N, C-alpha and C. Protein backbone atom coordinates (compact mmCIF):
# COMPACT_ATOMS: atom_id res chain seq x y z
N MET A 1 3.47 -1.55 -13.27
CA MET A 1 2.24 -1.87 -12.60
C MET A 1 1.24 -0.75 -12.89
N ASP A 2 0.01 -1.10 -13.10
CA ASP A 2 -1.06 -0.16 -13.41
C ASP A 2 -1.32 0.77 -12.22
N TYR A 3 -1.52 2.04 -12.50
CA TYR A 3 -1.77 3.06 -11.48
C TYR A 3 -2.95 2.69 -10.59
N HIS A 4 -4.04 2.29 -11.20
CA HIS A 4 -5.25 1.98 -10.43
C HIS A 4 -5.06 0.73 -9.56
N THR A 5 -4.27 -0.21 -10.03
CA THR A 5 -3.97 -1.40 -9.24
C THR A 5 -3.18 -1.02 -7.99
N VAL A 6 -2.20 -0.15 -8.16
CA VAL A 6 -1.39 0.30 -7.03
C VAL A 6 -2.27 1.03 -6.02
N LYS A 7 -3.14 1.91 -6.50
CA LYS A 7 -4.03 2.65 -5.61
C LYS A 7 -4.97 1.70 -4.86
N TYR A 8 -5.45 0.67 -5.53
CA TYR A 8 -6.33 -0.31 -4.90
C TYR A 8 -5.60 -1.08 -3.80
N ILE A 9 -4.37 -1.48 -4.09
CA ILE A 9 -3.56 -2.20 -3.10
C ILE A 9 -3.28 -1.29 -1.90
N GLN A 10 -2.99 -0.02 -2.16
CA GLN A 10 -2.75 0.91 -1.07
C GLN A 10 -4.00 1.06 -0.19
N LYS A 11 -5.16 1.08 -0.81
CA LYS A 11 -6.41 1.18 -0.05
C LYS A 11 -6.58 -0.05 0.84
N LEU A 12 -6.32 -1.24 0.30
CA LEU A 12 -6.42 -2.46 1.09
C LEU A 12 -5.43 -2.45 2.26
N LEU A 13 -4.22 -1.98 1.99
CA LEU A 13 -3.21 -1.90 3.05
C LEU A 13 -3.65 -0.95 4.16
N LYS A 14 -4.19 0.19 3.78
CA LYS A 14 -4.66 1.17 4.77
C LYS A 14 -5.75 0.57 5.64
N GLU A 15 -6.69 -0.16 5.03
CA GLU A 15 -7.76 -0.80 5.79
C GLU A 15 -7.19 -1.84 6.75
N LYS A 16 -6.20 -2.61 6.29
CA LYS A 16 -5.57 -3.63 7.13
C LYS A 16 -4.84 -2.98 8.31
N ILE A 17 -4.12 -1.90 8.05
CA ILE A 17 -3.42 -1.17 9.10
C ILE A 17 -4.41 -0.64 10.14
N ASP A 18 -5.51 -0.06 9.67
CA ASP A 18 -6.53 0.46 10.58
C ASP A 18 -7.14 -0.64 11.44
N THR A 19 -7.41 -1.80 10.83
CA THR A 19 -7.99 -2.92 11.57
C THR A 19 -7.03 -3.43 12.63
N LEU A 20 -5.76 -3.59 12.27
CA LEU A 20 -4.77 -4.08 13.22
C LEU A 20 -4.52 -3.07 14.35
N THR A 21 -4.50 -1.79 14.00
CA THR A 21 -4.32 -0.74 15.01
C THR A 21 -5.47 -0.76 16.01
N GLU A 22 -6.68 -0.92 15.50
CA GLU A 22 -7.85 -0.98 16.38
C GLU A 22 -7.77 -2.19 17.31
N LYS A 23 -7.28 -3.30 16.79
CA LYS A 23 -7.15 -4.50 17.61
C LYS A 23 -6.17 -4.28 18.76
N VAL A 24 -5.07 -3.59 18.48
CA VAL A 24 -4.09 -3.29 19.53
C VAL A 24 -4.71 -2.34 20.56
N LYS A 25 -5.47 -1.36 20.09
CA LYS A 25 -6.11 -0.42 21.01
C LYS A 25 -7.10 -1.10 21.93
N LEU A 26 -7.81 -2.09 21.41
CA LEU A 26 -8.80 -2.79 22.23
C LEU A 26 -8.15 -3.76 23.20
N GLY A 27 -6.92 -4.14 22.92
CA GLY A 27 -6.19 -5.02 23.82
C GLY A 27 -5.92 -6.37 23.21
N VAL A 28 -4.78 -6.91 23.57
CA VAL A 28 -4.39 -8.24 23.12
C VAL A 28 -4.11 -9.10 24.36
N ASP A 29 -4.14 -10.41 24.18
CA ASP A 29 -4.01 -11.32 25.31
C ASP A 29 -2.57 -11.49 25.80
N THR A 30 -1.63 -11.50 24.86
CA THR A 30 -0.24 -11.76 25.26
C THR A 30 0.69 -10.74 24.60
N PHE A 31 1.87 -10.62 25.19
CA PHE A 31 2.87 -9.73 24.62
C PHE A 31 3.35 -10.24 23.26
N GLU A 32 3.38 -11.56 23.08
CA GLU A 32 3.77 -12.14 21.79
C GLU A 32 2.78 -11.75 20.70
N GLU A 33 1.50 -11.78 21.03
CA GLU A 33 0.48 -11.38 20.07
C GLU A 33 0.63 -9.90 19.72
N TYR A 34 0.92 -9.08 20.72
CA TYR A 34 1.16 -7.66 20.50
C TYR A 34 2.32 -7.44 19.54
N LYS A 35 3.44 -8.12 19.80
CA LYS A 35 4.62 -7.98 18.93
C LYS A 35 4.30 -8.43 17.50
N TYR A 36 3.55 -9.52 17.37
CA TYR A 36 3.18 -10.03 16.05
C TYR A 36 2.34 -9.01 15.28
N ILE A 37 1.36 -8.43 15.95
CA ILE A 37 0.49 -7.45 15.28
C ILE A 37 1.28 -6.19 14.91
N ILE A 38 2.15 -5.74 15.79
CA ILE A 38 2.98 -4.57 15.49
C ILE A 38 3.87 -4.86 14.27
N GLY A 39 4.39 -6.07 14.18
CA GLY A 39 5.18 -6.46 13.01
C GLY A 39 4.36 -6.43 11.73
N GLN A 40 3.11 -6.88 11.80
CA GLN A 40 2.23 -6.83 10.63
C GLN A 40 1.97 -5.39 10.22
N ILE A 41 1.72 -4.54 11.20
CA ILE A 41 1.46 -3.12 10.91
C ILE A 41 2.67 -2.50 10.23
N ARG A 42 3.85 -2.75 10.76
CA ARG A 42 5.06 -2.18 10.16
C ARG A 42 5.29 -2.69 8.75
N SER A 43 5.02 -3.96 8.52
CA SER A 43 5.19 -4.52 7.18
C SER A 43 4.22 -3.87 6.19
N CYS A 44 2.99 -3.71 6.60
CA CYS A 44 1.99 -3.07 5.73
C CYS A 44 2.37 -1.62 5.45
N GLU A 45 2.85 -0.91 6.48
CA GLU A 45 3.28 0.48 6.29
C GLU A 45 4.47 0.57 5.35
N ASP A 46 5.42 -0.35 5.48
CA ASP A 46 6.58 -0.37 4.57
C ASP A 46 6.14 -0.60 3.13
N LEU A 47 5.25 -1.55 2.92
CA LEU A 47 4.77 -1.83 1.58
C LEU A 47 4.01 -0.64 1.02
N HIS A 48 3.18 -0.01 1.83
CA HIS A 48 2.43 1.17 1.41
C HIS A 48 3.39 2.29 0.98
N ARG A 49 4.44 2.49 1.78
CA ARG A 49 5.45 3.52 1.48
C ARG A 49 6.18 3.19 0.17
N ASP A 50 6.52 1.92 -0.03
CA ASP A 50 7.21 1.51 -1.26
C ASP A 50 6.33 1.75 -2.48
N LEU A 51 5.04 1.46 -2.36
CA LEU A 51 4.12 1.70 -3.48
C LEU A 51 3.98 3.20 -3.76
N THR A 52 3.96 4.00 -2.71
CA THR A 52 3.89 5.45 -2.88
C THR A 52 5.13 5.95 -3.61
N ASP A 53 6.29 5.46 -3.22
CA ASP A 53 7.53 5.84 -3.89
C ASP A 53 7.53 5.41 -5.36
N LEU A 54 6.98 4.24 -5.63
CA LEU A 54 6.87 3.76 -7.01
C LEU A 54 6.02 4.70 -7.84
N LEU A 55 4.91 5.15 -7.29
CA LEU A 55 4.04 6.06 -8.03
C LEU A 55 4.72 7.41 -8.27
N LYS A 56 5.52 7.85 -7.32
CA LYS A 56 6.22 9.13 -7.47
C LYS A 56 7.25 9.07 -8.60
N LYS A 57 7.76 7.86 -8.88
CA LYS A 57 8.77 7.70 -9.93
C LYS A 57 8.14 7.58 -11.31
N GLN A 58 6.82 7.53 -11.35
CA GLN A 58 6.12 7.40 -12.62
C GLN A 58 5.29 8.65 -12.86
N GLU A 59 5.07 8.96 -14.10
CA GLU A 59 4.21 10.08 -14.44
C GLU A 59 3.32 9.68 -15.60
N PRO A 60 2.15 10.29 -15.70
CA PRO A 60 1.25 9.92 -16.80
C PRO A 60 1.85 10.29 -18.16
N ASN A 61 1.65 9.41 -19.11
CA ASN A 61 2.08 9.65 -20.48
C ASN A 61 0.83 9.98 -21.29
N GLU A 62 0.87 10.98 -22.11
CA GLU A 62 -0.32 11.38 -22.88
C GLU A 62 -0.74 10.33 -23.90
N ASP A 63 0.18 9.45 -24.29
CA ASP A 63 -0.17 8.36 -25.19
C ASP A 63 -0.99 7.34 -24.44
N THR A 64 -1.80 6.60 -25.15
CA THR A 64 -2.58 5.55 -24.51
C THR A 64 -2.08 4.20 -25.00
N ASP A 65 -2.30 3.18 -24.17
CA ASP A 65 -1.89 1.85 -24.58
C ASP A 65 -2.99 1.22 -25.44
N GLN A 66 -2.85 -0.07 -25.77
CA GLN A 66 -3.81 -0.72 -26.67
C GLN A 66 -5.20 -0.80 -26.08
N ARG A 67 -5.35 -0.81 -24.77
CA ARG A 67 -6.66 -0.92 -24.15
C ARG A 67 -7.35 0.44 -24.05
N GLY A 68 -6.67 1.50 -24.45
CA GLY A 68 -7.25 2.82 -24.38
C GLY A 68 -7.07 3.50 -23.03
N THR A 69 -6.28 2.90 -22.15
CA THR A 69 -6.02 3.51 -20.85
C THR A 69 -4.72 4.27 -20.92
N LYS A 70 -4.57 5.17 -20.00
CA LYS A 70 -3.35 5.97 -19.97
C LYS A 70 -2.16 5.09 -19.71
N ALA A 71 -1.11 5.31 -20.47
CA ALA A 71 0.15 4.57 -20.25
C ALA A 71 1.00 5.37 -19.27
N TRP A 72 1.79 4.68 -18.48
CA TRP A 72 2.68 5.34 -17.52
C TRP A 72 4.11 5.10 -17.93
N THR A 73 4.90 6.16 -17.85
CA THR A 73 6.30 6.03 -18.19
C THR A 73 7.13 6.26 -16.95
N ARG A 74 8.26 5.65 -16.90
CA ARG A 74 9.14 5.76 -15.73
C ARG A 74 10.07 6.95 -15.90
N ILE A 75 10.24 7.67 -14.82
CA ILE A 75 11.20 8.78 -14.81
C ILE A 75 12.48 8.24 -14.19
N ALA A 76 13.57 8.45 -14.85
CA ALA A 76 14.85 7.93 -14.34
C ALA A 76 15.39 8.79 -13.25
């Protein structure tokens, strides 16, 4: 997966987490809605963490791909 794509997805996830957190802070109508939102927050956080771990396993390669962008290689 492209580095910039991963960073963009992480940014979207962070915004979603912030929005959901704010909604919980402002109050929800039912306990079921609260549990649902907390589940969404946890899912987004898990995905964000997985993407971070993916980036840590990759490092920039000095070679470039056909599009002229930096290629990323996987570290075993």
